[in-house]
Amino acid sequence: MHSAKPLSTWGIRALKSAALIFGVWLFLLTVSIIGESPVCSVDIVNSVTGWRMDGAPPECYEVDRKVVKFGENKYTKIADKVYWMSEKGVRDFPTCLIGLGCFRSIARKHTSIRSVKLIDLYSAIDFEKLKGYMGGEYVSDGYTVFNGWRKLPLLKPPINPGNLHRLVDKKTEGGQYVTDGTWIFYEGNHVVEANLPTFQVFPQPADVPKESTKLARDINTVYYGSEPVSQADPDTFELVVLPPEDPREGYYGLDKNYVWILSGHPEIVDRKYSEEIRRRVKWLRIAKNKSLEK
């Protein structure tokens, strides 16, 4: 019989290297398999306060069980409740090992993190009858109408979602004014007591095409979004824009009595400020007329 020869130093090193390589391969394979399931978190948010609600949120598989999408809006039904849902984008990141560098998962090209936000619609909704209107901006089950997660009021006569259409081009913020032929809404908010036959959205200023105005008026009232502009005279109210080179640059509303600054909710400025704005508007118009005469 021949006794086994002891392994040489080189052979021992080769076996250790092979074991290390196998161990790293096994680890990478495990990470790849685990990477098949994205990391997911779900939060339920109060539609009024925007605060995260207490209690254990549902699991992602419950969220995905029953989902419908209309345009950019997605809705899901969990148990007997219907939610509007949004998701943060998936981001990729490599797995890194100290001394071995960073690598992507073998079986999965990225590891994903998914964050889902749910807003409880607090309504008895017939989920199976939900339909989208205006490219999915508005949805209805035939009784209740929503703009995203905003519930439109129940009105008499009822809102006709099939007739909803814009009053002006969507490219401006004024394009958010919509009507069904009876009622007017701005981003899902009812423009109360609006007079449809005389309602008109202020035109977009030609010199600031990318800015948003969200101003409208009818025979009785001037509106900023869905809210009336206090004390504004619809007959003489006008929108003016002071250009970036002006120290008082920005949007302003002027009528025969007052001046409003239109950054956020409209506010009447004091008398001194009002006189300054009127002077600047006057100079701007004189300069513009002179340039047209050339």
C-alpha atoms as a PDB file:
ATOM      1  CA  MET A   1       0.000   0.000   0.000  1.00  0.00           C
ATOM      2  CA  HIS A   2       1.088   3.471  -0.723  1.00  0.00           C
ATOM      3  CA  SER A   3       0.459   6.134   1.907  1.00  0.00           C
ATOM      4  CA  ALA A   4      -1.146   9.392   0.735  1.00  0.00           C
ATOM      5  CA  LYS A   5       1.286  12.151   0.136  1.00  0.00           C
ATOM      6  CA  PRO A   6       0.732  15.313   2.128  1.00  0.00           C
ATOM      7  CA  LEU A   7      -0.477  18.310   0.118  1.00  0.00           C
ATOM      8  CA  SER A   8       2.156  20.758  -0.872  1.00  0.00           C
ATOM      9  CA  THR A   9       2.047  24.336   0.310  1.00  0.00           C
ATOM     10  CA  TRP A  10       0.879  25.343  -3.170  1.00  0.00           C
ATOM     11  CA  GLY A  11      -1.960  22.817  -3.075  1.00  0.00           C
ATOM     12  CA  ILE A  12      -3.166  24.045   0.304  1.00  0.00           C
ATOM     13  CA  ARG A  13      -3.198  27.603  -0.962  1.00  0.00           C
ATOM     14  CA  ALA A  14      -5.128  26.534  -4.058  1.00  0.00           C
ATOM     15  CA  LEU A  15      -7.763  24.800  -1.929  1.00  0.00           C
ATOM     16  CA  LYS A  16      -8.108  27.858   0.318  1.00  0.00           C
ATOM     17  CA  SER A  17      -8.474  30.112  -2.711  1.00  0.00           C
ATOM     18  CA  ALA A  18     -11.106  27.817  -4.201  1.00  0.00           C
ATOM     19  CA  ALA A  19     -13.013  27.765  -0.908  1.00  0.00           C
ATOM     20  CA  LEU A  20     -12.899  31.568  -0.721  1.00  0.00           C
ATOM     21  CA  ILE A  21     -14.119  31.926  -4.296  1.00  0.00           C
ATOM     22  CA  PHE A  22     -16.946  29.443  -3.629  1.00  0.00           C
ATOM     23  CA  GLY A  23     -17.902  31.329  -0.450  1.00  0.00           C
ATOM     24  CA  VAL A  24     -18.029  34.678  -2.281  1.00  0.00           C
ATOM     25  CA  TRP A  25     -20.060  33.099  -5.119  1.00  0.00           C
ATOM     26  CA  LEU A  26     -22.512  31.613  -2.627  1.00  0.00           C
ATOM     27  CA  PHE A  27     -22.878  34.980  -0.893  1.00  0.00           C
ATOM     28  CA  LEU A  28     -23.503  36.776  -4.205  1.00  0.00           C
ATOM     29  CA  LEU A  29     -26.076  34.160  -5.172  1.00  0.00           C
ATOM     30  CA  THR A  30     -27.877  34.631  -1.829  1.00  0.00           C
ATOM     31  CA  VAL A  31     -27.907  38.416  -2.264  1.00  0.00           C
ATOM     32  CA  SER A  32     -29.266  37.969  -5.793  1.00  0.00           C
ATOM     33  CA  ILE A  33     -32.100  35.740  -4.599  1.00  0.00           C
ATOM     34  CA  ILE A  34     -32.990  38.125  -1.774  1.00  0.00           C
ATOM     35  CA  GLY A  35     -32.801  41.001  -4.256  1.00  0.00           C
ATOM     36  CA  GLU A  36     -35.701  39.525  -6.190  1.00  0.00           C
ATOM     37  CA  SER A  37     -38.106  41.069  -3.640  1.00  0.00           C
ATOM     38  CA  PRO A  38     -37.984  44.880  -3.511  1.00  0.00           C
ATOM     39  CA  VAL A  39     -37.917  46.633  -0.166  1.00  0.00           C
ATOM     40  CA  CYS A  40     -41.337  48.214   0.275  1.00  0.00           C
ATOM     41  CA  SER A  41     -42.939  50.584   2.775  1.00  0.00           C
ATOM     42  CA  VAL A  42     -46.538  51.818   2.932  1.00  0.00           C
ATOM     43  CA  ASP A  43     -47.891  54.934   4.665  1.00  0.00           C
ATOM     44  CA  ILE A  44     -51.525  56.001   4.999  1.00  0.00           C
ATOM     45  CA  VAL A  45     -51.957  59.784   4.995  1.00  0.00           C
ATOM     46  CA  ASN A  46     -54.894  61.879   6.189  1.00  0.00           C
ATOM     47  CA  SER A  47     -56.396  63.673   3.182  1.00  0.00           C
ATOM     48  CA  VAL A  48     -57.136  66.824   5.214  1.00  0.00           C
ATOM     49  CA  THR A  49     -54.031  67.312   7.371  1.00  0.00           C
ATOM     50  CA  GLY A  50     -51.499  65.470   5.225  1.00  0.00           C
ATOM     51  CA  TRP A  51     -50.216  63.731   8.373  1.00  0.00           C
ATOM     52  CA  ARG A  52     -49.310  60.091   8.545  1.00  0.00           C
ATOM     53  CA  MET A  53     -52.065  58.110  10.234  1.00  0.00           C
ATOM     54  CA  ASP A  54     -51.483  55.852  13.222  1.00  0.00           C
ATOM     55  CA  GLY A  55     -51.883  52.121  13.091  1.00  0.00           C
ATOM     56  CA  ALA A  56     -50.239  49.317  11.171  1.00  0.00           C
ATOM     57  CA  PRO A  57     -50.276  50.053   7.417  1.00  0.00           C
ATOM     58  CA  PRO A  58     -51.109  47.303   4.923  1.00  0.00           C
ATOM     59  CA  GLU A  59     -48.445  45.219   3.220  1.00  0.00           C
ATOM     60  CA  CYS A  60     -47.450  45.932  -0.371  1.00  0.00           C
ATOM     61  CA  TYR A  61     -49.036  42.753  -1.650  1.00  0.00           C
ATOM     62  CA  GLU A  62     -52.357  43.985  -0.244  1.00  0.00           C
ATOM     63  CA  VAL A  63     -51.912  47.323  -2.046  1.00  0.00           C
ATOM     64  CA  ASP A  64     -51.174  45.614  -5.370  1.00  0.00           C
ATOM     65  CA  ARG A  65     -54.005  43.109  -5.159  1.00  0.00           C
ATOM     66  CA  LYS A  66     -56.600  45.419  -6.705  1.00  0.00           C
ATOM     67  CA  VAL A  67     -55.340  48.521  -8.553  1.00  0.00           C
ATOM     68  CA  VAL A  68     -56.838  50.637 -11.341  1.00  0.00           C
ATOM     69  CA  LYS A  69     -55.104  53.495 -13.140  1.00  0.00           C
ATOM     70  CA  PHE A  70     -56.620  56.475 -14.940  1.00  0.00           C
ATOM     71  CA  GLY A  71     -54.001  58.736 -16.513  1.00  0.00           C
ATOM     72  CA  GLU A  72     -51.574  59.681 -13.730  1.00  0.00           C
ATOM     73  CA  ASN A  73     -53.969  58.664 -10.949  1.00  0.00           C
ATOM     74  CA  LYS A  74     -53.952  55.218  -9.351  1.00  0.00           C
ATOM     75  CA  TYR A  75     -56.515  53.776  -6.945  1.00  0.00           C
ATOM     76  CA  THR A  76     -56.461  50.623  -4.867  1.00  0.00           C
ATOM     77  CA  LYS A  77     -59.032  48.764  -2.810  1.00  0.00           C
ATOM     78  CA  ILE A  78     -57.997  47.119   0.455  1.00  0.00           C
ATOM     79  CA  ALA A  79     -60.753  45.295   2.335  1.00  0.00           C
ATOM     80  CA  ASP A  80     -63.734  47.669   2.118  1.00  0.00           C
ATOM     81  CA  LYS A  81     -61.762  50.914   1.672  1.00  0.00           C
ATOM     82  CA  VAL A  82     -60.637  52.707  -1.491  1.00  0.00           C
ATOM     83  CA  TYR A  83     -57.402  54.709  -1.540  1.00  0.00           C
ATOM     84  CA  TRP A  84     -55.676  57.057  -3.956  1.00  0.00           C
ATOM     85  CA  MET A  85     -52.077  55.921  -4.208  1.00  0.00           C
ATOM     86  CA  SER A  86     -48.723  57.341  -5.242  1.00  0.00           C
ATOM     87  CA  GLU A  87     -45.263  55.853  -5.353  1.00  0.00           C
ATOM     88  CA  LYS A  88     -41.790  57.297  -5.102  1.00  0.00           C
ATOM     89  CA  GLY A  89     -39.425  56.316  -7.868  1.00  0.00           C
ATOM     90  CA  VAL A  90     -37.340  53.167  -7.714  1.00  0.00           C
ATOM     91  CA  ARG A  91     -33.662  53.788  -7.083  1.00  0.00           C
ATOM     92  CA  ASP A  92     -30.763  51.453  -7.760  1.00  0.00           C
ATOM     93  CA  PHE A  93     -27.760  50.936  -5.561  1.00  0.00           C
ATOM     94  CA  PRO A  94     -24.862  48.448  -5.658  1.00  0.00           C
ATOM     95  CA  THR A  95     -23.935  46.001  -2.919  1.00  0.00           C
ATOM     96  CA  CYS A  96     -20.447  46.681  -1.566  1.00  0.00           C
ATOM     97  CA  LEU A  97     -18.059  44.389   0.286  1.00  0.00           C
ATOM     98  CA  ILE A  98     -15.076  45.775   2.162  1.00  0.00           C
ATOM     99  CA  GLY A  99     -11.943  44.736   0.326  1.00  0.00           C
ATOM    100  CA  LEU A 100     -13.825  43.267  -2.642  1.00  0.00           C
ATOM    101  CA  GLY A 101     -15.408  46.363  -4.159  1.00  0.00           C
ATOM    102  CA  CYS A 102     -18.996  46.935  -5.284  1.00  0.00           C
ATOM    103  CA  PHE A 103     -21.149  44.764  -7.500  1.00  0.00           C
ATOM    104  CA  ARG A 104     -24.660  44.517  -8.843  1.00  0.00           C
ATOM    105  CA  SER A 105     -26.835  41.564  -7.978  1.00  0.00           C
ATOM    106  CA  ILE A 106     -26.392  38.621 -10.400  1.00  0.00           C
ATOM    107  CA  ALA A 107     -30.038  37.638 -10.848  1.00  0.00           C
ATOM    108  CA  ARG A 108     -31.371  41.177 -10.517  1.00  0.00           C
ATOM    109  CA  LYS A 109     -29.766  44.209 -12.104  1.00  0.00           C
ATOM    110  CA  HIS A 110     -30.837  46.473  -9.270  1.00  0.00           C
ATOM    111  CA  THR A 111     -32.108  46.398  -5.744  1.00  0.00           C
ATOM    112  CA  SER A 112     -35.270  48.464  -5.486  1.00  0.00           C
ATOM    113  CA  ILE A 113     -36.775  50.533  -2.728  1.00  0.00           C
ATOM    114  CA  ARG A 114     -40.485  51.241  -3.121  1.00  0.00           C
ATOM    115  CA  SER A 115     -42.335  53.808  -1.036  1.00  0.00           C
ATOM    116  CA  VAL A 116     -46.134  53.830  -1.353  1.00  0.00           C
ATOM    117  CA  LYS A 117     -48.397  56.587  -0.020  1.00  0.00           C
ATOM    118  CA  LEU A 118     -52.111  55.933   0.377  1.00  0.00           C
ATOM    119  CA  ILE A 119     -54.796  58.578   0.936  1.00  0.00           C
ATOM    120  CA  ASP A 120     -58.089  57.303   2.304  1.00  0.00           C
ATOM    121  CA  LEU A 121     -60.944  58.683   0.192  1.00  0.00           C
ATOM    122  CA  TYR A 122     -63.408  58.383   3.105  1.00  0.00           C
ATOM    123  CA  SER A 123     -66.331  57.565   0.822  1.00  0.00           C
ATOM    124  CA  ALA A 124     -68.534  54.627  -0.021  1.00  0.00           C
ATOM    125  CA  ILE A 125     -67.152  54.024  -3.530  1.00  0.00           C
ATOM    126  CA  ASP A 126     -68.201  51.370  -5.999  1.00  0.00           C
ATOM    127  CA  PHE A 127     -64.647  50.433  -6.989  1.00  0.00           C
ATOM    128  CA  GLU A 128     -65.763  48.240  -9.887  1.00  0.00           C
ATOM    129  CA  LYS A 129     -67.625  51.157 -11.504  1.00  0.00           C
ATOM    130  CA  LEU A 130     -64.798  53.709 -11.359  1.00  0.00           C
ATOM    131  CA  LYS A 131     -64.240  55.457 -14.699  1.00  0.00           C
ATOM    132  CA  GLY A 132     -61.757  58.108 -15.748  1.00  0.00           C
ATOM    133  CA  TYR A 133     -62.594  61.414 -17.427  1.00  0.00           C
ATOM    134  CA  MET A 134     -60.427  64.117 -19.006  1.00  0.00           C
ATOM    135  CA  GLY A 135     -57.520  61.738 -19.407  1.00  0.00           C
ATOM    136  CA  GLY A 136     -57.946  60.384 -15.887  1.00  0.00           C
ATOM    137  CA  GLU A 137     -57.710  63.727 -14.075  1.00  0.00           C
ATOM    138  CA  TYR A 138     -61.235  63.173 -12.799  1.00  0.00           C
ATOM    139  CA  VAL A 139     -62.780  59.828 -11.854  1.00  0.00           C
ATOM    140  CA  SER A 140     -66.257  58.800 -10.778  1.00  0.00           C
ATOM    141  CA  ASP A 141     -68.197  55.690  -9.832  1.00  0.00           C
ATOM    142  CA  GLY A 142     -71.365  57.287 -11.171  1.00  0.00           C
ATOM    143  CA  TYR A 143     -72.181  58.992  -7.878  1.00  0.00           C
ATOM    144  CA  THR A 144     -69.069  60.556  -6.334  1.00  0.00           C
ATOM    145  CA  VAL A 145     -66.502  62.500  -8.405  1.00  0.00           C
ATOM    146  CA  PHE A 146     -62.813  62.869  -7.508  1.00  0.00           C
ATOM    147  CA  ASN A 147     -59.949  64.956  -8.825  1.00  0.00           C
ATOM    148  CA  GLY A 148     -57.066  62.730  -7.784  1.00  0.00           C
ATOM    149  CA  TRP A 149     -57.750  62.311  -4.072  1.00  0.00           C
ATOM    150  CA  ARG A 150     -59.911  65.450  -3.773  1.00  0.00           C
ATOM    151  CA  LYS A 151     -63.593  64.699  -3.409  1.00  0.00           C
ATOM    152  CA  LEU A 152     -65.846  67.093  -5.287  1.00  0.00           C
ATOM    153  CA  PRO A 153     -68.954  68.266  -3.419  1.00  0.00           C
ATOM    154  CA  LEU A 154     -72.345  66.677  -3.995  1.00  0.00           C
ATOM    155  CA  LEU A 155     -74.321  69.336  -5.855  1.00  0.00           C
ATOM    156  CA  LYS A 156     -77.831  69.732  -7.223  1.00  0.00           C
ATOM    157  CA  PRO A 157     -78.112  69.163 -10.110  1.00  0.00           C
ATOM    158  CA  PRO A 158     -75.354  66.537  -9.774  1.00  0.00           C
ATOM    159  CA  ILE A 159     -72.004  66.930 -11.516  1.00  0.00           C
ATOM    160  CA  ASN A 160     -71.911  65.317 -14.943  1.00  0.00           C
ATOM    161  CA  PRO A 161     -68.337  63.946 -15.213  1.00  0.00           C
ATOM    162  CA  GLY A 162     -68.847  62.948 -18.841  1.00  0.00           C
ATOM    163  CA  ASN A 163     -69.258  66.641 -19.766  1.00  0.00           C
ATOM    164  CA  LEU A 164     -66.178  67.936 -17.913  1.00  0.00           C
ATOM    165  CA  HIS A 165     -63.892  70.029 -20.110  1.00  0.00           C
ATOM    166  CA  ARG A 166     -61.356  72.834 -19.754  1.00  0.00           C
ATOM    167  CA  LEU A 167     -62.249  76.470 -20.123  1.00  0.00           C
ATOM    168  CA  VAL A 168     -58.796  77.307 -21.550  1.00  0.00           C
ATOM    169  CA  ASP A 169     -55.630  75.560 -22.723  1.00  0.00           C
ATOM    170  CA  LYS A 170     -54.006  73.086 -20.336  1.00  0.00           C
ATOM    171  CA  LYS A 171     -50.527  74.602 -20.928  1.00  0.00           C
ATOM    172  CA  THR A 172     -51.244  77.367 -18.415  1.00  0.00           C
ATOM    173  CA  GLU A 173     -52.365  76.991 -14.818  1.00  0.00           C
ATOM    174  CA  GLY A 174     -55.596  78.602 -15.896  1.00  0.00           C
ATOM    175  CA  GLY A 175     -56.129  75.331 -17.735  1.00  0.00           C
ATOM    176  CA  GLN A 176     -57.145  73.814 -14.405  1.00  0.00           C
ATOM    177  CA  TYR A 177     -60.506  75.592 -14.614  1.00  0.00           C
ATOM    178  CA  VAL A 178     -63.031  72.994 -15.790  1.00  0.00           C
ATOM    179  CA  THR A 179     -66.794  72.873 -16.146  1.00  0.00           C
ATOM    180  CA  ASP A 180     -69.474  70.282 -16.799  1.00  0.00           C
ATOM    181  CA  GLY A 181     -71.716  72.935 -18.315  1.00  0.00           C
ATOM    182  CA  THR A 182     -73.351  73.770 -14.982  1.00  0.00           C
ATOM    183  CA  TRP A 183     -70.616  74.002 -12.334  1.00  0.00           C
ATOM    184  CA  ILE A 184     -67.033  75.317 -12.419  1.00  0.00           C
ATOM    185  CA  PHE A 185     -64.075  73.774 -10.558  1.00  0.00           C
ATOM    186  CA  TYR A 186     -60.430  74.627 -10.070  1.00  0.00           C
ATOM    187  CA  GLU A 187     -58.189  71.627  -9.281  1.00  0.00           C
ATOM    188  CA  GLY A 188     -61.230  69.825  -7.928  1.00  0.00           C
ATOM    189  CA  ASN A 189     -62.352  72.760  -5.765  1.00  0.00           C
ATOM    190  CA  HIS A 190     -65.785  74.190  -6.445  1.00  0.00           C
ATOM    191  CA  VAL A 191     -65.784  77.813  -7.599  1.00  0.00           C
ATOM    192  CA  VAL A 192     -68.809  78.717  -5.519  1.00  0.00           C
ATOM    193  CA  GLU A 193     -71.434  81.013  -7.081  1.00  0.00           C
ATOM    194  CA  ALA A 194     -69.456  81.365 -10.308  1.00  0.00           C
ATOM    195  CA  ASN A 195     -71.551  82.702 -13.180  1.00  0.00           C
ATOM    196  CA  LEU A 196     -70.781  80.375 -16.089  1.00  0.00           C
ATOM    197  CA  PRO A 197     -72.118  82.545 -18.974  1.00  0.00           C
ATOM    198  CA  THR A 198     -69.814  85.450 -17.997  1.00  0.00           C
ATOM    199  CA  PHE A 199     -66.911  83.430 -16.555  1.00  0.00           C
ATOM    200  CA  GLN A 200     -63.566  83.972 -18.255  1.00  0.00           C
ATOM    201  CA  VAL A 201     -59.985  83.068 -17.392  1.00  0.00           C
ATOM    202  CA  PHE A 202     -57.441  85.900 -17.523  1.00  0.00           C
ATOM    203  CA  PRO A 203     -55.167  85.409 -20.543  1.00  0.00           C
ATOM    204  CA  GLN A 204     -51.591  84.315 -19.982  1.00  0.00           C
ATOM    205  CA  PRO A 205     -49.199  87.312 -20.072  1.00  0.00           C
ATOM    206  CA  ALA A 206     -47.327  87.198 -23.385  1.00  0.00           C
ATOM    207  CA  ASP A 207     -44.054  88.369 -21.836  1.00  0.00           C
ATOM    208  CA  VAL A 208     -44.006  85.618 -19.178  1.00  0.00           C
ATOM    209  CA  PRO A 209     -45.239  82.519 -21.063  1.00  0.00           C
ATOM    210  CA  LYS A 210     -44.020  79.973 -18.532  1.00  0.00           C
ATOM    211  CA  GLU A 211     -45.627  81.505 -15.467  1.00  0.00           C
ATOM    212  CA  SER A 212     -49.062  80.653 -14.077  1.00  0.00           C
ATOM    213  CA  THR A 213     -51.861  83.082 -13.422  1.00  0.00           C
ATOM    214  CA  LYS A 214     -54.859  81.049 -12.140  1.00  0.00           C
ATOM    215  CA  LEU A 215     -56.998  84.185 -12.255  1.00  0.00           C
ATOM    216  CA  ALA A 216     -60.553  84.390 -13.583  1.00  0.00           C
ATOM    217  CA  ARG A 217     -63.594  86.607 -13.301  1.00  0.00           C
ATOM    218  CA  ASP A 218     -67.286  86.730 -13.967  1.00  0.00           C
ATOM    219  CA  ILE A 219     -69.803  89.551 -13.890  1.00  0.00           C
ATOM    220  CA  ASN A 220     -69.696  89.702 -10.084  1.00  0.00           C
ATOM    221  CA  THR A 221     -66.337  88.425  -8.816  1.00  0.00           C
ATOM    222  CA  VAL A 222     -62.612  88.039  -9.467  1.00  0.00           C
ATOM    223  CA  TYR A 223     -61.228  84.587  -8.570  1.00  0.00           C
ATOM    224  CA  TYR A 224     -57.758  83.371  -7.646  1.00  0.00           C
ATOM    225  CA  GLY A 225     -58.008  79.636  -8.143  1.00  0.00           C
ATOM    226  CA  SER A 226     -61.360  78.795  -6.585  1.00  0.00           C
ATOM    227  CA  GLU A 227     -61.354  81.635  -4.043  1.00  0.00           C
ATOM    228  CA  PRO A 228     -62.763  85.145  -4.589  1.00  0.00           C
ATOM    229  CA  VAL A 229     -60.313  88.040  -4.512  1.00  0.00           C
ATOM    230  CA  SER A 230     -61.529  90.259  -1.689  1.00  0.00           C
ATOM    231  CA  GLN A 231     -62.897  93.689  -2.733  1.00  0.00           C
ATOM    232  CA  ALA A 232     -61.802  93.298  -6.357  1.00  0.00           C
ATOM    233  CA  ASP A 233     -63.871  95.030  -9.035  1.00  0.00           C
ATOM    234  CA  PRO A 234     -64.306  92.634 -11.984  1.00  0.00           C
ATOM    235  CA  ASP A 235     -64.965  95.466 -14.453  1.00  0.00           C
ATOM    236  CA  THR A 236     -61.619  97.219 -13.901  1.00  0.00           C
ATOM    237  CA  PHE A 237     -59.417  94.436 -12.532  1.00  0.00           C
ATOM    238  CA  GLU A 238     -56.354  93.625 -14.633  1.00  0.00           C
ATOM    239  CA  LEU A 239     -53.320  91.416 -14.310  1.00  0.00           C
ATOM    240  CA  VAL A 240     -49.911  93.087 -14.724  1.00  0.00           C
ATOM    241  CA  VAL A 241     -46.393  91.693 -14.663  1.00  0.00           C
ATOM    242  CA  LEU A 242     -43.305  93.640 -13.674  1.00  0.00           C
ATOM    243  CA  PRO A 243     -40.273  92.095 -15.433  1.00  0.00           C
ATOM    244  CA  PRO A 244     -37.225  90.526 -13.697  1.00  0.00           C
ATOM    245  CA  GLU A 245     -35.121  93.662 -14.145  1.00  0.00           C
ATOM    246  CA  ASP A 246     -37.620  95.653 -12.087  1.00  0.00           C
ATOM    247  CA  PRO A 247     -36.919  95.793  -8.319  1.00  0.00           C
ATOM    248  CA  ARG A 248     -40.596  95.020  -7.725  1.00  0.00           C
ATOM    249  CA  GLU A 249     -40.783  92.173 -10.239  1.00  0.00           C
ATOM    250  CA  GLY A 250     -43.735  89.815 -10.020  1.00  0.00           C
ATOM    251  CA  TYR A 251     -47.465  89.468 -10.584  1.00  0.00           C
ATOM    252  CA  TYR A 252     -49.890  92.166  -9.478  1.00  0.00           C
ATOM    253  CA  GLY A 253     -53.618  92.703  -9.729  1.00  0.00           C
ATOM    254  CA  LEU A 254     -54.899  96.247 -10.209  1.00  0.00           C
ATOM    255  CA  ASP A 255     -58.375  97.719 -10.254  1.00  0.00           C
ATOM    256  CA  LYS A 256     -59.715 101.261  -9.850  1.00  0.00           C
ATOM    257  CA  ASN A 257     -59.292 101.099  -6.067  1.00  0.00           C
ATOM    258  CA  TYR A 258     -56.601  98.650  -4.975  1.00  0.00           C
ATOM    259  CA  VAL A 259     -53.419  96.799  -5.865  1.00  0.00           C
ATOM    260  CA  TRP A 260     -52.876  93.135  -4.936  1.00  0.00           C
ATOM    261  CA  ILE A 261     -49.603  91.256  -4.838  1.00  0.00           C
ATOM    262  CA  LEU A 262     -50.210  87.822  -6.327  1.00  0.00           C
ATOM    263  CA  SER A 263     -47.525  85.682  -4.720  1.00  0.00           C
ATOM    264  CA  GLY A 264     -49.489  83.025  -2.907  1.00  0.00           C
ATOM    265  CA  HIS A 265     -52.896  84.196  -1.737  1.00  0.00           C
ATOM    266  CA  PRO A 266     -53.697  87.716  -3.097  1.00  0.00           C
ATOM    267  CA  GLU A 267     -53.041  90.496  -0.592  1.00  0.00           C
ATOM    268  CA  ILE A 268     -53.953  94.172  -0.855  1.00  0.00           C
ATOM    269  CA  VAL A 269     -50.812  96.285  -0.516  1.00  0.00           C
ATOM    270  CA  ASP A 270     -50.680  99.526   1.438  1.00  0.00           C
ATOM    271  CA  ARG A 271     -51.220 102.934  -0.169  1.00  0.00           C
ATOM    272  CA  LYS A 272     -47.539 103.805  -0.572  1.00  0.00           C
ATOM    273  CA  TYR A 273     -46.733 100.454  -2.172  1.00  0.00           C
ATOM    274  CA  SER A 274     -49.839 100.750  -4.364  1.00  0.00           C
ATOM    275  CA  GLU A 275     -48.774 104.148  -5.709  1.00  0.00           C
ATOM    276  CA  GLU A 276     -45.296 102.831  -6.483  1.00  0.00           C
ATOM    277  CA  ILE A 277     -46.637  99.838  -8.398  1.00  0.00           C
ATOM    278  CA  ARG A 278     -49.019 102.029 -10.412  1.00  0.00           C
ATOM    279  CA  ARG A 279     -46.115 104.356 -11.329  1.00  0.00           C
ATOM    280  CA  ARG A 280     -43.956 101.436 -12.413  1.00  0.00           C
ATOM    281  CA  VAL A 281     -46.770  99.962 -14.504  1.00  0.00           C
ATOM    282  CA  LYS A 282     -47.314 103.345 -16.145  1.00  0.00           C
ATOM    283  CA  TRP A 283     -43.582 103.716 -16.972  1.00  0.00           C
ATOM    284  CA  LEU A 284     -43.476 100.180 -18.318  1.00  0.00           C
ATOM    285  CA  ARG A 285     -46.388 100.856 -20.652  1.00  0.00           C
ATOM    286  CA  ILE A 286     -44.903 104.144 -21.869  1.00  0.00           C
ATOM    287  CA  ALA A 287     -41.597 102.401 -22.610  1.00  0.00           C
ATOM    288  CA  LYS A 288     -43.405  99.595 -24.412  1.00  0.00           C
ATOM    289  CA  ASN A 289     -45.395 102.027 -26.563  1.00  0.00           C
ATOM    290  CA  LYS A 290     -42.233 103.927 -27.524  1.00  0.00           C
ATOM    291  CA  SER A 291     -40.535 100.713 -28.572  1.00  0.00           C
ATOM    292  CA  LEU A 292     -43.519  99.846 -30.778  1.00  0.00           C
ATOM    293  CA  GLU A 293     -43.403 103.261 -32.462  1.00  0.00           C
ATOM    294  CA  LYS A 294     -39.796 102.756 -33.548  1.00  0.00           C
END
